[in-house]
Amino acid sequence: LALRERLQALRAGSDARVGFELCDGQVVAGV
């Protein structure tokens, strides 16, 4: 199971809120 597939499952399932912490420490959150 790849990360992309998990994100696709989240996208297909609901309006899941996801927080992405990026390699420089910045955090971007959204639906």
mmCIF file of all heavy atoms, coordinates in Angstrom:
data_MODEL
# 
_entry.id   MODEL 
# 
loop_
_atom_site.group_PDB 
_atom_site.id 
_atom_site.type_symbol 
_atom_site.label_atom_id 
_atom_site.label_alt_id 
_atom_site.label_comp_id 
_atom_site.label_asym_id 
_atom_site.label_entity_id 
_atom_site.label_seq_id 
_atom_site.pdbx_PDB_ins_code 
_atom_site.Cartn_x 
_atom_site.Cartn_y 
_atom_site.Cartn_z 
_atom_site.occupancy 
_atom_site.B_iso_or_equiv 
_atom_site.pdbx_formal_charge 
_atom_site.auth_seq_id 
_atom_site.auth_comp_id 
_atom_site.auth_asym_id 
_atom_site.auth_atom_id 
_atom_site.pdbx_PDB_model_num 
ATOM 1   N N   . LEU A 1 1  ? 0.834   -1.200 0.000  1.00 0.00 ? 1  LEU A N   1 
ATOM 2   C CA  . LEU A 1 1  ? 0.000   0.000  0.000  1.00 0.00 ? 1  LEU A CA  1 
ATOM 3   C C   . LEU A 1 1  ? 0.875   1.260  0.000  1.00 0.00 ? 1  LEU A C   1 
ATOM 4   O O   . LEU A 1 1  ? 1.643   1.496  0.925  1.00 0.00 ? 1  LEU A O   1 
ATOM 5   C CB  . LEU A 1 1  ? -0.917  -0.010 1.231  1.00 0.00 ? 1  LEU A CB  1 
ATOM 6   C CG  . LEU A 1 1  ? -2.010  1.027  1.297  1.00 0.00 ? 1  LEU A CG  1 
ATOM 7   C CD1 . LEU A 1 1  ? -2.996  0.862  0.151  1.00 0.00 ? 1  LEU A CD1 1 
ATOM 8   C CD2 . LEU A 1 1  ? -2.737  0.942  2.633  1.00 0.00 ? 1  LEU A CD2 1 
ATOM 9   N N   . ALA A 1 2  ? 0.769   2.050  -1.054 1.00 0.00 ? 2  ALA A N   1 
ATOM 10  C CA  . ALA A 1 2  ? 1.576   3.270  -1.196 1.00 0.00 ? 2  ALA A CA  1 
ATOM 11  C C   . ALA A 1 2  ? 0.851   4.472  -0.588 1.00 0.00 ? 2  ALA A C   1 
ATOM 12  O O   . ALA A 1 2  ? -0.373  4.467  -0.439 1.00 0.00 ? 2  ALA A O   1 
ATOM 13  C CB  . ALA A 1 2  ? 1.857   3.529  -2.680 1.00 0.00 ? 2  ALA A CB  1 
ATOM 14  N N   . LEU A 1 3  ? 1.615   5.501  -0.257 1.00 0.00 ? 3  LEU A N   1 
ATOM 15  C CA  . LEU A 1 3  ? 1.054   6.731  0.303  1.00 0.00 ? 3  LEU A CA  1 
ATOM 16  C C   . LEU A 1 3  ? -0.008  7.307  -0.626 1.00 0.00 ? 3  LEU A C   1 
ATOM 17  O O   . LEU A 1 3  ? -1.079  7.735  -0.189 1.00 0.00 ? 3  LEU A O   1 
ATOM 18  C CB  . LEU A 1 3  ? 2.170   7.749  0.547  1.00 0.00 ? 3  LEU A CB  1 
ATOM 19  C CG  . LEU A 1 3  ? 1.725   9.133  1.018  1.00 0.00 ? 3  LEU A CG  1 
ATOM 20  C CD1 . LEU A 1 3  ? 1.010   9.046  2.361  1.00 0.00 ? 3  LEU A CD1 1 
ATOM 21  C CD2 . LEU A 1 3  ? 2.919   10.071 1.113  1.00 0.00 ? 3  LEU A CD2 1 
ATOM 22  N N   . ARG A 1 4  ? 0.270   7.322  -1.898 1.00 0.00 ? 4  ARG A N   1 
ATOM 23  C CA  . ARG A 1 4  ? -0.677  7.861  -2.878 1.00 0.00 ? 4  ARG A CA  1 
ATOM 24  C C   . ARG A 1 4  ? -2.018  7.132  -2.801 1.00 0.00 ? 4  ARG A C   1 
ATOM 25  O O   . ARG A 1 4  ? -3.077  7.734  -2.859 1.00 0.00 ? 4  ARG A O   1 
ATOM 26  C CB  . ARG A 1 4  ? -0.071  7.735  -4.268 1.00 0.00 ? 4  ARG A CB  1 
ATOM 27  C CG  . ARG A 1 4  ? -0.981  8.158  -5.383 1.00 0.00 ? 4  ARG A CG  1 
ATOM 28  C CD  . ARG A 1 4  ? -0.235  8.025  -6.722 1.00 0.00 ? 4  ARG A CD  1 
ATOM 29  N NE  . ARG A 1 4  ? -1.124  8.308  -7.796 1.00 0.00 ? 4  ARG A NE  1 
ATOM 30  C CZ  . ARG A 1 4  ? -1.628  7.383  -8.601 1.00 0.00 ? 4  ARG A CZ  1 
ATOM 31  N NH1 . ARG A 1 4  ? -1.317  6.127  -8.444 1.00 0.00 ? 4  ARG A NH1 1 
ATOM 32  N NH2 . ARG A 1 4  ? -2.441  7.719  -9.566 1.00 0.00 ? 4  ARG A NH2 1 
ATOM 33  N N   . GLU A 1 5  ? -1.983  5.803  -2.645 1.00 0.00 ? 5  GLU A N   1 
ATOM 34  C CA  . GLU A 1 5  ? -3.217  5.022  -2.550 1.00 0.00 ? 5  GLU A CA  1 
ATOM 35  C C   . GLU A 1 5  ? -3.986  5.346  -1.281 1.00 0.00 ? 5  GLU A C   1 
ATOM 36  O O   . GLU A 1 5  ? -5.219  5.404  -1.288 1.00 0.00 ? 5  GLU A O   1 
ATOM 37  C CB  . GLU A 1 5  ? -2.897  3.527  -2.618 1.00 0.00 ? 5  GLU A CB  1 
ATOM 38  C CG  . GLU A 1 5  ? -2.374  3.096  -3.975 1.00 0.00 ? 5  GLU A CG  1 
ATOM 39  C CD  . GLU A 1 5  ? -1.799  1.695  -3.975 1.00 0.00 ? 5  GLU A CD  1 
ATOM 40  O OE1 . GLU A 1 5  ? -1.268  1.254  -2.928 1.00 0.00 ? 5  GLU A OE1 1 
ATOM 41  O OE2 . GLU A 1 5  ? -1.875  1.042  -5.024 1.00 0.00 ? 5  GLU A OE2 1 
ATOM 42  N N   . ARG A 1 6  ? -3.257  5.591  -0.197 1.00 0.00 ? 6  ARG A N   1 
ATOM 43  C CA  . ARG A 1 6  ? -3.943  5.976  1.047  1.00 0.00 ? 6  ARG A CA  1 
ATOM 44  C C   . ARG A 1 6  ? -4.607  7.338  0.883  1.00 0.00 ? 6  ARG A C   1 
ATOM 45  O O   . ARG A 1 6  ? -5.729  7.555  1.344  1.00 0.00 ? 6  ARG A O   1 
ATOM 46  C CB  . ARG A 1 6  ? -2.959  5.998  2.214  1.00 0.00 ? 6  ARG A CB  1 
ATOM 47  C CG  . ARG A 1 6  ? -2.510  4.615  2.622  1.00 0.00 ? 6  ARG A CG  1 
ATOM 48  C CD  . ARG A 1 6  ? -1.658  4.647  3.843  1.00 0.00 ? 6  ARG A CD  1 
ATOM 49  N NE  . ARG A 1 6  ? -2.479  4.823  5.033  1.00 0.00 ? 6  ARG A NE  1 
ATOM 50  C CZ  . ARG A 1 6  ? -1.998  4.785  6.265  1.00 0.00 ? 6  ARG A CZ  1 
ATOM 51  N NH1 . ARG A 1 6  ? -0.711  4.585  6.465  1.00 0.00 ? 6  ARG A NH1 1 
ATOM 52  N NH2 . ARG A 1 6  ? -2.786  4.939  7.299  1.00 0.00 ? 6  ARG A NH2 1 
ATOM 53  N N   . LEU A 1 7  ? -3.917  8.255  0.213  1.00 0.00 ? 7  LEU A N   1 
ATOM 54  C CA  . LEU A 1 7  ? -4.512  9.574  -0.020 1.00 0.00 ? 7  LEU A CA  1 
ATOM 55  C C   . LEU A 1 7  ? -5.728  9.468  -0.937 1.00 0.00 ? 7  LEU A C   1 
ATOM 56  O O   . LEU A 1 7  ? -6.735  10.149 -0.726 1.00 0.00 ? 7  LEU A O   1 
ATOM 57  C CB  . LEU A 1 7  ? -3.473  10.527 -0.614 1.00 0.00 ? 7  LEU A CB  1 
ATOM 58  C CG  . LEU A 1 7  ? -2.359  10.955 0.341  1.00 0.00 ? 7  LEU A CG  1 
ATOM 59  C CD1 . LEU A 1 7  ? -1.294  11.748 -0.410 1.00 0.00 ? 7  LEU A CD1 1 
ATOM 60  C CD2 . LEU A 1 7  ? -2.903  11.763 1.510  1.00 0.00 ? 7  LEU A CD2 1 
ATOM 61  N N   . GLN A 1 8  ? -5.665  8.596  -1.941 1.00 0.00 ? 8  GLN A N   1 
ATOM 62  C CA  . GLN A 1 8  ? -6.821  8.394  -2.826 1.00 0.00 ? 8  GLN A CA  1 
ATOM 63  C C   . GLN A 1 8  ? -8.003  7.830  -2.041 1.00 0.00 ? 8  GLN A C   1 
ATOM 64  O O   . GLN A 1 8  ? -9.150  8.216  -2.264 1.00 0.00 ? 8  GLN A O   1 
ATOM 65  C CB  . GLN A 1 8  ? -6.464  7.466  -3.982 1.00 0.00 ? 8  GLN A CB  1 
ATOM 66  C CG  . GLN A 1 8  ? -5.600  8.116  -5.024 1.00 0.00 ? 8  GLN A CG  1 
ATOM 67  C CD  . GLN A 1 8  ? -5.132  7.139  -6.088 1.00 0.00 ? 8  GLN A CD  1 
ATOM 68  O OE1 . GLN A 1 8  ? -4.973  5.952  -5.831 1.00 0.00 ? 8  GLN A OE1 1 
ATOM 69  N NE2 . GLN A 1 8  ? -4.923  7.645  -7.286 1.00 0.00 ? 8  GLN A NE2 1 
ATOM 70  N N   . ALA A 1 9  ? -7.719  6.920  -1.103 1.00 0.00 ? 9  ALA A N   1 
ATOM 71  C CA  . ALA A 1 9  ? -8.789  6.363  -0.272 1.00 0.00 ? 9  ALA A CA  1 
ATOM 72  C C   . ALA A 1 9  ? -9.399  7.454  0.610  1.00 0.00 ? 9  ALA A C   1 
ATOM 73  O O   . ALA A 1 9  ? -10.617 7.509  0.787  1.00 0.00 ? 9  ALA A O   1 
ATOM 74  C CB  . ALA A 1 9  ? -8.248  5.224  0.588  1.00 0.00 ? 9  ALA A CB  1 
ATOM 75  N N   . LEU A 1 10 ? -8.566  8.330  1.149  1.00 0.00 ? 10 LEU A N   1 
ATOM 76  C CA  . LEU A 1 10 ? -9.075  9.455  1.940  1.00 0.00 ? 10 LEU A CA  1 
ATOM 77  C C   . LEU A 1 10 ? -9.937  10.372 1.090  1.00 0.00 ? 10 LEU A C   1 
ATOM 78  O O   . LEU A 1 10 ? -11.004 10.813 1.505  1.00 0.00 ? 10 LEU A O   1 
ATOM 79  C CB  . LEU A 1 10 ? -7.918  10.263 2.539  1.00 0.00 ? 10 LEU A CB  1 
ATOM 80  C CG  . LEU A 1 10 ? -7.198  9.653  3.719  1.00 0.00 ? 10 LEU A CG  1 
ATOM 81  C CD1 . LEU A 1 10 ? -5.934  10.429 4.021  1.00 0.00 ? 10 LEU A CD1 1 
ATOM 82  C CD2 . LEU A 1 10 ? -8.103  9.629  4.935  1.00 0.00 ? 10 LEU A CD2 1 
ATOM 83  N N   . ARG A 1 11 ? -9.463  10.653 -0.097 1.00 0.00 ? 11 ARG A N   1 
ATOM 84  C CA  . ARG A 1 11 ? -10.189 11.533 -1.018 1.00 0.00 ? 11 ARG A CA  1 
ATOM 85  C C   . ARG A 1 11 ? -11.536 10.922 -1.394 1.00 0.00 ? 11 ARG A C   1 
ATOM 86  O O   . ARG A 1 11 ? -12.549 11.599 -1.448 1.00 0.00 ? 11 ARG A O   1 
ATOM 87  C CB  . ARG A 1 11 ? -9.330  11.779 -2.261 1.00 0.00 ? 11 ARG A CB  1 
ATOM 88  C CG  . ARG A 1 11 ? -10.014 12.340 -3.463 1.00 0.00 ? 11 ARG A CG  1 
ATOM 89  C CD  . ARG A 1 11 ? -10.458 13.783 -3.238 1.00 0.00 ? 11 ARG A CD  1 
ATOM 90  N NE  . ARG A 1 11 ? -11.166 14.265 -4.390 1.00 0.00 ? 11 ARG A NE  1 
ATOM 91  C CZ  . ARG A 1 11 ? -12.498 14.297 -4.510 1.00 0.00 ? 11 ARG A CZ  1 
ATOM 92  N NH1 . ARG A 1 11 ? -13.263 13.850 -3.565 1.00 0.00 ? 11 ARG A NH1 1 
ATOM 93  N NH2 . ARG A 1 11 ? -13.054 14.782 -5.593 1.00 0.00 ? 11 ARG A NH2 1 
ATOM 94  N N   . ALA A 1 12 ? -11.556 9.617  -1.647 1.00 0.00 ? 12 ALA A N   1 
ATOM 95  C CA  . ALA A 1 12 ? -12.784 8.940  -2.060 1.00 0.00 ? 12 ALA A CA  1 
ATOM 96  C C   . ALA A 1 12 ? -13.757 8.768  -0.901 1.00 0.00 ? 12 ALA A C   1 
ATOM 97  O O   . ALA A 1 12 ? -14.964 8.745  -1.105 1.00 0.00 ? 12 ALA A O   1 
ATOM 98  C CB  . ALA A 1 12 ? -12.453 7.576  -2.657 1.00 0.00 ? 12 ALA A CB  1 
ATOM 99  N N   . GLY A 1 13 ? -13.235 8.657  0.308  1.00 0.00 ? 13 GLY A N   1 
ATOM 100 C CA  . GLY A 1 13 ? -14.079 8.334  1.453  1.00 0.00 ? 13 GLY A CA  1 
ATOM 101 C C   . GLY A 1 13 ? -14.874 9.472  2.036  1.00 0.00 ? 13 GLY A C   1 
ATOM 102 O O   . GLY A 1 13 ? -16.045 9.330  2.350  1.00 0.00 ? 13 GLY A O   1 
ATOM 103 N N   . SER A 1 14 ? -14.268 10.635 2.182  1.00 0.00 ? 14 SER A N   1 
ATOM 104 C CA  . SER A 1 14 ? -14.967 11.728 2.868  1.00 0.00 ? 14 SER A CA  1 
ATOM 105 C C   . SER A 1 14 ? -14.208 13.022 2.660  1.00 0.00 ? 14 SER A C   1 
ATOM 106 O O   . SER A 1 14 ? -13.256 13.086 1.901  1.00 0.00 ? 14 SER A O   1 
ATOM 107 C CB  . SER A 1 14 ? -15.046 11.418 4.364  1.00 0.00 ? 14 SER A CB  1 
ATOM 108 O OG  . SER A 1 14 ? -13.743 11.412 4.925  1.00 0.00 ? 14 SER A OG  1 
ATOM 109 N N   . ASP A 1 15 ? -14.646 14.040 3.370  1.00 0.00 ? 15 ASP A N   1 
ATOM 110 C CA  . ASP A 1 15 ? -13.938 15.322 3.361  1.00 0.00 ? 15 ASP A CA  1 
ATOM 111 C C   . ASP A 1 15 ? -12.887 15.315 4.470  1.00 0.00 ? 15 ASP A C   1 
ATOM 112 O O   . ASP A 1 15 ? -12.969 16.075 5.431  1.00 0.00 ? 15 ASP A O   1 
ATOM 113 C CB  . ASP A 1 15 ? -14.923 16.483 3.574  1.00 0.00 ? 15 ASP A CB  1 
ATOM 114 C CG  . ASP A 1 15 ? -15.835 16.675 2.380  1.00 0.00 ? 15 ASP A CG  1 
ATOM 115 O OD1 . ASP A 1 15 ? -15.459 16.234 1.285  1.00 0.00 ? 15 ASP A OD1 1 
ATOM 116 O OD2 . ASP A 1 15 ? -16.907 17.272 2.550  1.00 0.00 ? 15 ASP A OD2 1 
ATOM 117 N N   . ALA A 1 16 ? -11.921 14.437 4.326  1.00 0.00 ? 16 ALA A N   1 
ATOM 118 C CA  . ALA A 1 16 ? -10.894 14.276 5.347  1.00 0.00 ? 16 ALA A CA  1 
ATOM 119 C C   . ALA A 1 16 ? -9.962  15.478 5.366  1.00 0.00 ? 16 ALA A C   1 
ATOM 120 O O   . ALA A 1 16 ? -9.487  15.927 4.335  1.00 0.00 ? 16 ALA A O   1 
ATOM 121 C CB  . ALA A 1 16 ? -10.095 13.009 5.086  1.00 0.00 ? 16 ALA A CB  1 
ATOM 122 N N   . ARG A 1 17 ? -9.705  15.979 6.547  1.00 0.00 ? 17 ARG A N   1 
ATOM 123 C CA  . ARG A 1 17 ? -8.737  17.052 6.714  1.00 0.00 ? 17 ARG A CA  1 
ATOM 124 C C   . ARG A 1 17 ? -7.360  16.413 6.906  1.00 0.00 ? 17 ARG A C   1 
ATOM 125 O O   . ARG A 1 17 ? -7.200  15.510 7.722  1.00 0.00 ? 17 ARG A O   1 
ATOM 126 C CB  . ARG A 1 17 ? -9.101  17.911 7.923  1.00 0.00 ? 17 ARG A CB  1 
ATOM 127 C CG  . ARG A 1 17 ? -8.122  19.039 8.103  1.00 0.00 ? 17 ARG A CG  1 
ATOM 128 C CD  . ARG A 1 17 ? -8.478  19.921 9.254  1.00 0.00 ? 17 ARG A CD  1 
ATOM 129 N NE  . ARG A 1 17 ? -7.358  20.809 9.511  1.00 0.00 ? 17 ARG A NE  1 
ATOM 130 C CZ  . ARG A 1 17 ? -7.446  21.916 10.196 1.00 0.00 ? 17 ARG A CZ  1 
ATOM 131 N NH1 . ARG A 1 17 ? -8.589  22.284 10.707 1.00 0.00 ? 17 ARG A NH1 1 
ATOM 132 N NH2 . ARG A 1 17 ? -6.389  22.667 10.386 1.00 0.00 ? 17 ARG A NH2 1 
ATOM 133 N N   . VAL A 1 18 ? -6.405  16.893 6.128  1.00 0.00 ? 18 VAL A N   1 
ATOM 134 C CA  . VAL A 1 18 ? -5.049  16.355 6.165  1.00 0.00 ? 18 VAL A CA  1 
ATOM 135 C C   . VAL A 1 18 ? -4.081  17.494 6.420  1.00 0.00 ? 18 VAL A C   1 
ATOM 136 O O   . VAL A 1 18 ? -4.200  18.567 5.829  1.00 0.00 ? 18 VAL A O   1 
ATOM 137 C CB  . VAL A 1 18 ? -4.698  15.674 4.821  1.00 0.00 ? 18 VAL A CB  1 
ATOM 138 C CG1 . VAL A 1 18 ? -3.295  15.121 4.841  1.00 0.00 ? 18 VAL A CG1 1 
ATOM 139 C CG2 . VAL A 1 18 ? -5.688  14.578 4.494  1.00 0.00 ? 18 VAL A CG2 1 
ATOM 140 N N   . GLY A 1 19 ? -3.118  17.269 7.299  1.00 0.00 ? 19 GLY A N   1 
ATOM 141 C CA  . GLY A 1 19 ? -2.039  18.217 7.526  1.00 0.00 ? 19 GLY A CA  1 
ATOM 142 C C   . GLY A 1 19 ? -0.765  17.648 6.925  1.00 0.00 ? 19 GLY A C   1 
ATOM 143 O O   . GLY A 1 19 ? -0.365  16.539 7.261  1.00 0.00 ? 19 GLY A O   1 
ATOM 144 N N   . PHE A 1 20 ? -0.175  18.384 6.007  1.00 0.00 ? 20 PHE A N   1 
ATOM 145 C CA  . PHE A 1 20 ? 1.087   17.964 5.388  1.00 0.00 ? 20 PHE A CA  1 
ATOM 146 C C   . PHE A 1 20 ? 2.210   18.749 6.045  1.00 0.00 ? 20 PHE A C   1 
ATOM 147 O O   . PHE A 1 20 ? 2.260   19.968 5.919  1.00 0.00 ? 20 PHE A O   1 
ATOM 148 C CB  . PHE A 1 20 ? 1.096   18.274 3.887  1.00 0.00 ? 20 PHE A CB  1 
ATOM 149 C CG  . PHE A 1 20 ? 0.168   17.433 3.072  1.00 0.00 ? 20 PHE A CG  1 
ATOM 150 C CD1 . PHE A 1 20 ? -1.104  17.873 2.760  1.00 0.00 ? 20 PHE A CD1 1 
ATOM 151 C CD2 . PHE A 1 20 ? 0.573   16.189 2.591  1.00 0.00 ? 20 PHE A CD2 1 
ATOM 152 C CE1 . PHE A 1 20 ? -1.954  17.104 1.992  1.00 0.00 ? 20 PHE A CE1 1 
ATOM 153 C CE2 . PHE A 1 20 ? -0.274  15.416 1.817  1.00 0.00 ? 20 PHE A CE2 1 
ATOM 154 C CZ  . PHE A 1 20 ? -1.541  15.878 1.528  1.00 0.00 ? 20 PHE A CZ  1 
ATOM 155 N N   . GLU A 1 21 ? 3.108   18.060 6.747  1.00 0.00 ? 21 GLU A N   1 
ATOM 156 C CA  . GLU A 1 21 ? 4.323   18.715 7.225  1.00 0.00 ? 21 GLU A CA  1 
ATOM 157 C C   . GLU A 1 21 ? 5.367   18.464 6.155  1.00 0.00 ? 21 GLU A C   1 
ATOM 158 O O   . GLU A 1 21 ? 5.645   17.322 5.786  1.00 0.00 ? 21 GLU A O   1 
ATOM 159 C CB  . GLU A 1 21 ? 4.798   18.161 8.559  1.00 0.00 ? 21 GLU A CB  1 
ATOM 160 C CG  . GLU A 1 21 ? 6.043   18.886 9.044  1.00 0.00 ? 21 GLU A CG  1 
ATOM 161 C CD  . GLU A 1 21 ? 6.564   18.355 10.364 1.00 0.00 ? 21 GLU A CD  1 
ATOM 162 O OE1 . GLU A 1 21 ? 5.877   17.595 11.038 1.00 0.00 ? 21 GLU A OE1 1 
ATOM 163 O OE2 . GLU A 1 21 ? 7.710   18.719 10.700 1.00 0.00 ? 21 GLU A OE2 1 
ATOM 164 N N   . LEU A 1 22 ? 5.941   19.551 5.652  1.00 0.00 ? 22 LEU A N   1 
ATOM 165 C CA  . LEU A 1 22 ? 6.868   19.442 4.527  1.00 0.00 ? 22 LEU A CA  1 
ATOM 166 C C   . LEU A 1 22 ? 8.304   19.343 5.021  1.00 0.00 ? 22 LEU A C   1 
ATOM 167 O O   . LEU A 1 22 ? 8.596   19.554 6.199  1.00 0.00 ? 22 LEU A O   1 
ATOM 168 C CB  . LEU A 1 22 ? 6.660   20.630 3.602  1.00 0.00 ? 22 LEU A CB  1 
ATOM 169 C CG  . LEU A 1 22 ? 5.207   20.690 3.092  1.00 0.00 ? 22 LEU A CG  1 
ATOM 170 C CD1 . LEU A 1 22 ? 4.922   22.007 2.432  1.00 0.00 ? 22 LEU A CD1 1 
ATOM 171 C CD2 . LEU A 1 22 ? 4.921   19.546 2.167  1.00 0.00 ? 22 LEU A CD2 1 
ATOM 172 N N   . CYS A 1 23 ? 9.209   19.024 4.108  1.00 0.00 ? 23 CYS A N   1 
ATOM 173 C CA  . CYS A 1 23 ? 10.604  18.772 4.468  1.00 0.00 ? 23 CYS A CA  1 
ATOM 174 C C   . CYS A 1 23 ? 11.286  19.970 5.120  1.00 0.00 ? 23 CYS A C   1 
ATOM 175 O O   . CYS A 1 23 ? 12.256  19.806 5.836  1.00 0.00 ? 23 CYS A O   1 
ATOM 176 C CB  . CYS A 1 23 ? 11.382  18.298 3.254  1.00 0.00 ? 23 CYS A CB  1 
ATOM 177 S SG  . CYS A 1 23 ? 11.275  19.404 1.842  1.00 0.00 ? 23 CYS A SG  1 
ATOM 178 N N   . ASP A 1 24 ? 10.763  21.194 4.903  1.00 0.00 ? 24 ASP A N   1 
ATOM 179 C CA  . ASP A 1 24 ? 11.362  22.367 5.542  1.00 0.00 ? 24 ASP A CA  1 
ATOM 180 C C   . ASP A 1 24 ? 10.680  22.721 6.865  1.00 0.00 ? 24 ASP A C   1 
ATOM 181 O O   . ASP A 1 24 ? 10.967  23.757 7.457  1.00 0.00 ? 24 ASP A O   1 
ATOM 182 C CB  . ASP A 1 24 ? 11.328  23.572 4.591  1.00 0.00 ? 24 ASP A CB  1 
ATOM 183 C CG  . ASP A 1 24 ? 9.921   24.007 4.231  1.00 0.00 ? 24 ASP A CG  1 
ATOM 184 O OD1 . ASP A 1 24 ? 8.951   23.342 4.654  1.00 0.00 ? 24 ASP A OD1 1 
ATOM 185 O OD2 . ASP A 1 24 ? 9.781   25.022 3.524  1.00 0.00 ? 24 ASP A OD2 1 
ATOM 186 N N   . GLY A 1 25 ? 9.754   21.880 7.340  1.00 0.00 ? 25 GLY A N   1 
ATOM 187 C CA  . GLY A 1 25 ? 9.077   22.104 8.606  1.00 0.00 ? 25 GLY A CA  1 
ATOM 188 C C   . GLY A 1 25 ? 7.764   22.864 8.495  1.00 0.00 ? 25 GLY A C   1 
ATOM 189 O O   . GLY A 1 25 ? 7.031   22.971 9.470  1.00 0.00 ? 25 GLY A O   1 
ATOM 190 N N   . GLN A 1 26 ? 7.450   23.386 7.332  1.00 0.00 ? 26 GLN A N   1 
ATOM 191 C CA  . GLN A 1 26 ? 6.208   24.111 7.132  1.00 0.00 ? 26 GLN A CA  1 
ATOM 192 C C   . GLN A 1 26 ? 5.035   23.130 7.130  1.00 0.00 ? 26 GLN A C   1 
ATOM 193 O O   . GLN A 1 26 ? 5.161   22.006 6.649  1.00 0.00 ? 26 GLN A O   1 
ATOM 194 C CB  . GLN A 1 26 ? 6.257   24.848 5.793  1.00 0.00 ? 26 GLN A CB  1 
ATOM 195 C CG  . GLN A 1 26 ? 5.623   26.190 5.837  1.00 0.00 ? 26 GLN A CG  1 
ATOM 196 C CD  . GLN A 1 26 ? 5.933   26.985 4.579  1.00 0.00 ? 26 GLN A CD  1 
ATOM 197 O OE1 . GLN A 1 26 ? 6.602   26.531 3.658  1.00 0.00 ? 26 GLN A OE1 1 
ATOM 198 N NE2 . GLN A 1 26 ? 5.430   28.193 4.543  1.00 0.00 ? 26 GLN A NE2 1 
ATOM 199 N N   . VAL A 1 27 ? 3.883   23.546 7.680  1.00 0.00 ? 27 VAL A N   1 
ATOM 200 C CA  . VAL A 1 27 ? 2.699   22.698 7.714  1.00 0.00 ? 27 VAL A CA  1 
ATOM 201 C C   . VAL A 1 27 ? 1.594   23.363 6.917  1.00 0.00 ? 27 VAL A C   1 
ATOM 202 O O   . VAL A 1 27 ? 1.309   24.545 7.091  1.00 0.00 ? 27 VAL A O   1 
ATOM 203 C CB  . VAL A 1 27 ? 2.223   22.454 9.167  1.00 0.00 ? 27 VAL A CB  1 
ATOM 204 C CG1 . VAL A 1 27 ? 0.940   21.640 9.181  1.00 0.00 ? 27 VAL A CG1 1 
ATOM 205 C CG2 . VAL A 1 27 ? 3.310   21.759 9.969  1.00 0.00 ? 27 VAL A CG2 1 
ATOM 206 N N   . VAL A 1 28 ? 0.993   22.589 6.010  1.00 0.00 ? 28 VAL A N   1 
ATOM 207 C CA  . VAL A 1 28 ? -0.129  23.057 5.201  1.00 0.00 ? 28 VAL A CA  1 
ATOM 208 C C   . VAL A 1 28 ? -1.281  22.093 5.464  1.00 0.00 ? 28 VAL A C   1 
ATOM 209 O O   . VAL A 1 28 ? -1.125  20.887 5.309  1.00 0.00 ? 28 VAL A O   1 
ATOM 210 C CB  . VAL A 1 28 ? 0.216   23.055 3.704  1.00 0.00 ? 28 VAL A CB  1 
ATOM 211 C CG1 . VAL A 1 28 ? -0.924  23.605 2.886  1.00 0.00 ? 28 VAL A CG1 1 
ATOM 212 C CG2 . VAL A 1 28 ? 1.492   23.846 3.438  1.00 0.00 ? 28 VAL A CG2 1 
ATOM 213 N N   . ALA A 1 29 ? -2.427  22.624 5.890  1.00 0.00 ? 29 ALA A N   1 
ATOM 214 C CA  . ALA A 1 29 ? -3.575  21.769 6.214  1.00 0.00 ? 29 ALA A CA  1 
ATOM 215 C C   . ALA A 1 29 ? -4.755  22.125 5.337  1.00 0.00 ? 29 ALA A C   1 
ATOM 216 O O   . ALA A 1 29 ? -4.942  23.286 4.962  1.00 0.00 ? 29 ALA A O   1 
ATOM 217 C CB  . ALA A 1 29 ? -3.939  21.929 7.680  1.00 0.00 ? 29 ALA A CB  1 
ATOM 218 N N   . GLY A 1 30 ? -5.546  21.117 5.021  1.00 0.00 ? 30 GLY A N   1 
ATOM 219 C CA  . GLY A 1 30 ? -6.728  21.365 4.212  1.00 0.00 ? 30 GLY A CA  1 
ATOM 220 C C   . GLY A 1 30 ? -7.533  20.115 3.986  1.00 0.00 ? 30 GLY A C   1 
ATOM 221 O O   . GLY A 1 30 ? -7.229  19.042 4.510  1.00 0.00 ? 30 GLY A O   1 
ATOM 222 N N   . VAL A 1 31 ? -8.578  20.267 3.192  1.00 0.00 ? 31 VAL A N   1 
ATOM 223 C CA  . VAL A 1 31 ? -9.435  19.156 2.808  1.00 0.00 ? 31 VAL A CA  1 
ATOM 224 C C   . VAL A 1 31 ? -8.993  18.692 1.420  1.00 0.00 ? 31 VAL A C   1 
ATOM 225 O O   . VAL A 1 31 ? -8.931  19.499 0.486  1.00 0.00 ? 31 VAL A O   1 
ATOM 226 C CB  . VAL A 1 31 ? -10.917 19.585 2.794  1.00 0.00 ? 31 VAL A CB  1 
ATOM 227 C CG1 . VAL A 1 31 ? -11.803 18.459 2.290  1.00 0.00 ? 31 VAL A CG1 1 
ATOM 228 C CG2 . VAL A 1 31 ? -11.350 20.045 4.179  1.00 0.00 ? 31 VAL A CG2 1 
# 
